[in-house]
Protein backbone atom coordinates (compact mmCIF):
# COMPACT_ATOMS: atom_id res chain seq x y z
CA MET A 1 70.04 29.27 52.29
CA THR A 2 67.06 29.49 54.62
CA ILE A 3 63.57 29.42 53.08
CA ASN A 4 60.93 31.36 54.91
CA LEU A 5 57.90 29.09 54.67
CA GLU A 6 55.50 31.80 55.71
CA THR A 7 56.74 34.13 52.99
CA LEU A 8 56.64 31.30 50.44
CA LYS A 9 53.12 30.39 51.50
CA ALA A 10 51.98 34.00 51.23
CA SER A 11 53.57 34.34 47.78
CA LEU A 12 51.88 31.15 46.59
CA VAL A 13 48.54 32.38 47.86
CA ILE A 14 48.93 35.75 46.18
CA TYR A 15 50.12 34.40 42.82
CA GLY A 16 47.67 31.52 43.01
CA LEU A 17 44.80 33.96 43.42
CA ASP A 18 46.18 36.05 40.57
CA ALA A 19 46.32 32.94 38.38
CA ILE A 20 42.72 32.07 39.24
CA TYR A 21 41.64 35.64 38.55
CA ALA A 22 43.52 35.56 35.25
CA VAL A 23 41.81 32.32 34.18
CA VAL A 24 38.41 33.73 35.14
CA LEU A 25 39.21 36.95 33.27
CA LEU A 26 40.21 34.98 30.19
CA ILE A 27 36.98 32.99 30.29
CA VAL A 28 34.92 36.15 30.75
CA GLY A 29 36.91 37.88 28.02
CA TRP A 30 36.28 35.03 25.61
CA TRP A 31 32.57 35.26 26.38
CA LEU A 32 32.61 39.04 25.96
CA SER A 33 34.33 38.69 22.58
CA GLY A 34 31.44 36.53 21.41
CA VAL A 35 28.96 39.07 22.80
CA ALA A 36 30.78 41.87 20.97
CA TYR A 37 30.72 39.86 17.73
CA ARG A 38 26.98 39.21 17.95
CA PHE A 39 26.23 42.80 19.04
CA VAL A 40 28.05 44.32 16.06
CA CYS A 41 26.38 41.85 13.68
CA ARG A 42 22.93 42.64 15.07
CA LEU A 43 23.54 46.40 15.12
CA LEU A 44 24.79 46.60 11.52
CA THR A 45 22.12 44.21 10.28
CA LEU A 46 19.34 46.37 11.71
CA THR A 47 20.49 49.37 9.69
CA HIS A 48 19.93 47.51 6.38
CA ARG A 49 22.58 49.79 4.85
CA VAL A 50 25.76 47.83 5.50
CA ASP A 51 26.80 44.97 3.25
CA ALA A 52 26.89 41.53 4.88
CA LEU A 53 30.58 41.19 4.00
CA VAL A 54 31.42 44.43 5.81
CA THR A 55 29.26 43.38 8.77
CA ALA A 56 31.12 40.08 9.17
CA PHE A 57 34.51 41.79 8.91
CA LEU A 58 33.74 44.52 11.46
CA ALA A 59 32.20 41.97 13.84
CA SER A 60 35.35 39.88 13.59
CA LEU A 61 37.45 42.99 14.24
CA ALA A 62 35.40 43.78 17.38
CA ARG A 63 35.92 40.24 18.64
CA TYR A 64 39.71 40.32 18.24
CA ALA A 65 39.92 43.81 19.75
CA THR A 66 38.09 42.54 22.86
CA LEU A 67 40.52 39.64 23.15
CA VAL A 68 43.50 42.00 22.90
CA ILE A 69 42.14 44.21 25.69
CA VAL A 70 41.59 41.16 27.90
CA GLY A 71 45.11 39.93 27.18
CA ILE A 72 46.59 43.27 28.24
CA ALA A 73 44.51 43.23 31.44
CA VAL A 74 45.80 39.73 32.29
CA LEU A 75 49.40 40.84 31.81
CA GLN A 76 48.83 43.81 34.12
CA MET A 77 47.50 41.47 36.81
CA PHE A 78 50.91 39.81 36.95
CA GLY A 79 52.69 43.13 37.25
CA ILE A 80 53.83 43.35 33.65
CA GLN A 81 53.71 46.99 32.64
CA THR A 82 52.26 47.57 29.22
CA ALA A 83 54.75 50.38 28.56
CA SER A 84 57.62 47.98 29.11
CA LEU A 85 55.88 45.41 26.97
CA VAL A 86 55.52 47.89 24.13
CA ALA A 87 59.21 48.73 24.40
CA VAL A 88 60.14 45.07 24.22
CA LEU A 89 57.87 44.52 21.26
CA GLY A 90 59.35 47.55 19.55
CA ALA A 91 62.87 46.19 20.01
CA THR A 92 61.85 42.84 18.53
CA SER A 93 59.48 44.16 15.86
CA LEU A 94 61.66 42.93 13.02
CA ALA A 95 61.73 39.36 14.32
CA ILE A 96 57.99 39.42 15.03
CA GLY A 97 57.28 40.85 11.59
CA LEU A 98 59.26 38.07 9.91
CA ALA A 99 57.63 35.40 12.07
CA LEU A 100 54.13 36.73 11.42
CA GLN A 101 54.69 37.69 7.82
CA GLY A 102 52.00 35.31 6.55
CA THR A 103 49.50 36.35 9.22
CA LEU A 104 50.07 40.06 8.64
CA SER A 105 49.76 39.63 4.88
CA ASN A 106 46.43 37.86 5.41
CA LEU A 107 45.26 40.74 7.60
CA ALA A 108 46.36 43.33 5.02
CA ALA A 109 44.70 41.32 2.24
CA GLY A 110 41.48 41.17 4.28
CA VAL A 111 41.49 44.95 4.56
CA MET A 112 42.05 45.30 0.80
CA LEU A 113 39.22 42.86 0.07
CA LEU A 114 36.96 44.88 2.36
CA ILE A 115 37.87 48.19 0.70
CA PHE A 116 37.67 47.12 -2.96
CA ARG A 117 34.99 44.44 -2.40
CA PRO A 118 35.52 42.27 -5.50
CA PHE A 119 32.74 40.00 -4.23
CA ARG A 120 29.89 39.95 -1.71
CA ILE A 121 28.21 37.37 0.47
CA GLY A 122 26.37 34.90 -1.77
CA HIS A 123 28.44 35.57 -4.91
CA GLU A 124 29.70 32.57 -6.87
CA VAL A 125 33.45 32.92 -7.42
CA ASP A 126 36.49 31.02 -8.70
CA VAL A 127 39.71 31.95 -6.90
CA GLY A 128 42.95 30.17 -6.11
CA GLY A 129 41.83 27.09 -8.01
CA ARG A 130 38.71 26.80 -5.85
CA ALA A 131 35.10 27.47 -6.77
CA GLY A 132 32.21 28.15 -4.42
CA THR A 133 29.75 30.60 -2.92
CA VAL A 134 31.16 33.31 -0.63
CA ASN A 135 29.94 32.68 2.92
CA SER A 136 32.07 35.03 5.06
CA LEU A 137 35.20 37.19 5.24
CA SER A 138 37.13 37.39 8.52
CA LEU A 139 40.41 39.10 9.40
CA PHE A 140 42.50 36.21 8.13
CA MET A 141 40.29 33.81 6.16
CA THR A 142 37.72 33.82 3.37
CA GLU A 143 35.12 31.06 3.60
CA LEU A 144 33.50 29.53 0.53
CA VAL A 145 30.82 26.86 0.30
CA GLY A 146 31.60 24.32 -2.42
CA ALA A 147 29.14 22.80 -4.89
CA ASP A 148 28.90 19.67 -2.72
CA ASN A 149 28.23 21.78 0.40
CA THR A 150 31.82 21.50 1.62
CA GLN A 151 33.58 24.25 3.57
CA ILE A 152 36.51 25.88 1.76
CA LEU A 153 38.79 28.13 3.86
CA LEU A 154 41.23 30.30 1.92
CA PRO A 155 43.84 32.63 3.46
CA ASN A 156 43.02 36.19 2.49
CA ALA A 157 46.48 36.63 0.95
CA ALA A 158 45.76 33.73 -1.42
CA VAL A 159 42.44 35.33 -2.40
CA TRP A 160 43.75 38.86 -2.93
CA GLY A 161 46.88 37.68 -4.74
CA GLN A 162 45.00 35.55 -7.29
CA PRO A 163 42.73 36.34 -10.24
CA ILE A 164 39.11 36.39 -9.04
CA LEU A 165 36.40 35.14 -11.39
CA ASN A 166 33.06 36.44 -10.08
CA HIS A 167 30.09 34.77 -11.75
CA SER A 168 27.58 36.95 -9.86
CA ALA A 169 29.02 40.41 -10.49
CA TYR A 170 26.63 41.16 -13.34
CA PRO A 171 23.00 40.12 -13.84
CA ARG A 172 22.61 36.89 -15.73
CA THR A 173 20.12 36.25 -18.49
CA GLY A 174 18.73 32.99 -19.75
CA ASP A 175 18.49 32.43 -23.49
CA LEU A 176 14.93 31.70 -24.58
CA LYS A 177 14.53 30.16 -28.02
CA VAL A 178 11.22 28.63 -29.07
CA SER A 179 10.26 27.41 -32.57
CA PHE A 180 6.83 26.34 -33.75
CA PRO A 181 4.94 25.78 -37.05
CA VAL A 182 2.32 28.33 -38.10
CA PRO A 183 0.30 29.01 -41.23
CA ALA A 184 2.31 31.10 -43.68
CA GLY A 185 1.36 34.56 -44.83
CA ALA A 186 -0.92 36.88 -42.87
CA PRO A 187 -1.47 34.44 -39.96
CA ALA A 188 2.27 34.14 -39.40
CA ASP A 189 2.66 37.94 -39.46
CA ALA A 190 -0.22 38.43 -37.01
CA ILE A 191 1.07 35.77 -34.62
CA ALA A 192 4.60 37.23 -34.75
CA ASP A 193 3.34 40.75 -34.04
CA THR A 194 1.19 39.60 -31.09
CA VAL A 195 3.95 37.52 -29.49
CA LEU A 196 6.53 40.27 -29.99
CA ARG A 197 4.26 42.93 -28.49
CA GLU A 198 3.57 40.83 -25.39
CA LEU A 199 7.24 39.99 -24.89
CA ARG A 200 8.29 43.64 -25.07
CA SER A 201 5.91 44.46 -22.19
CA ASP A 202 7.02 41.50 -20.05
CA HIS A 203 9.04 42.70 -17.02
CA ARG A 204 10.77 39.32 -16.75
CA LEU A 205 12.86 39.98 -19.85
CA ASP A 206 16.27 41.63 -19.83
CA GLY A 207 15.64 45.21 -20.93
CA ARG A 208 19.09 45.53 -22.50
CA THR A 209 18.26 43.00 -25.25
CA GLN A 210 15.16 43.22 -27.41
CA PRO A 211 13.20 40.03 -28.21
CA ALA A 212 12.82 38.95 -31.81
CA VAL A 213 10.37 36.81 -33.82
CA HIS A 214 11.26 35.70 -37.32
CA VAL A 215 10.54 32.99 -39.90
CA SER A 216 13.36 30.49 -39.54
CA ARG A 217 12.41 28.02 -42.29
CA VAL A 218 9.65 26.75 -44.53
CA ILE A 219 8.10 23.50 -43.34
CA ASP A 220 5.49 22.62 -45.98
CA ILE A 221 4.68 24.35 -49.27
CA THR A 222 3.09 21.36 -51.00
CA ASN A 223 -0.35 22.48 -49.88
CA ALA A 224 -0.99 25.68 -51.78
CA ASP A 225 -4.06 26.53 -49.70
CA ARG A 226 -2.31 26.20 -46.33
CA PRO A 227 1.52 26.42 -46.49
CA VAL A 228 3.35 26.12 -43.17
CA VAL A 229 6.44 27.96 -41.97
CA GLU A 230 8.41 27.88 -38.75
CA LEU A 231 8.50 30.93 -36.44
CA THR A 232 11.36 31.24 -33.97
CA VAL A 233 11.14 33.43 -30.85
CA THR A 234 14.39 34.54 -29.20
CA ALA A 235 14.66 36.60 -26.01
CA ALA A 236 16.95 37.17 -23.03
CA VAL A 237 15.05 36.29 -19.85
CA LYS A 238 15.98 36.47 -16.19
CA PRO A 239 17.17 32.93 -15.30
CA PRO A 240 14.49 32.08 -12.68
CA ASP A 241 11.72 32.99 -15.15
CA THR A 242 13.00 31.27 -18.29
CA ASP A 243 10.80 28.17 -18.04
CA ALA A 244 7.68 30.18 -17.15
CA VAL A 245 8.13 32.58 -20.08
CA ARG A 246 8.77 29.69 -22.48
CA GLN A 247 5.58 27.94 -21.38
CA GLU A 248 3.54 31.14 -21.72
CA VAL A 249 4.88 31.72 -25.23
CA LEU A 250 3.99 28.17 -26.26
CA ASP A 251 0.49 28.46 -24.78
CA ARG A 252 -0.10 31.84 -26.39
CA VAL A 253 1.09 30.67 -29.80
CA GLY A 254 -1.07 27.56 -29.55
CA ARG A 255 -4.17 29.68 -28.98
CA LEU A 256 -3.25 32.08 -31.79
CA VAL A 257 -2.66 29.23 -34.26
CA ALA A 258 -6.00 27.74 -33.30
CA GLU A 259 -7.71 31.10 -33.87
CA HIS A 260 -6.13 31.58 -37.31
CA SER A 261 -6.87 28.03 -38.37
CA HIS A 262 -10.63 28.57 -38.33
């Protein structure tokens, strides 16, 4: 068999150029996928109406869609018709579905997590035997940040198929309980009324639970002129403000006791 060197050389040049173009197109496509990801993130962030979890998911979707378009363009450069490719994929869909069963289930689970949104970015969750703060949700993976600042990557199917314990779904309240000795009788009643009135007007308390002030025990009744009882203040406070409210209650009670002691 005679090999035409000129024809072979021309073929190598043509396919070599196509290969170079394909590599360049892949590099440019990879760069464009990153641009698309950042553009979608920036666009949805500027609206201030889209949840961060949805933003991350849609940005990831835009990135993968760009890569798919680039892949199709590369195949067309080598003369592979997309119509024929679709027909081949259709004929082998069962085998592909079985081979990619885990990947497709992760994708479907990601969509379900996006629709029902059992958690948001920043929520503290326990799922699949792992605990951490939700950092991102992509097409296939959910990323958590562990208590020791470690990265935890969970397949979406493992997240959606497991019980999810969300510690941040509802507002938390800190339990405030302060006890202090006060003079019994009218001074105790006056101090209790003043502290209770101020707590009810404090915006840092949980409005669903009313504060309470009551006499918890008798401390000293040996002195008939000045018996002493213990007042206990209980309230549900927003966690970041618990220490501040406790200190203010103690300071206020100290001043009131000093006033009634004169």
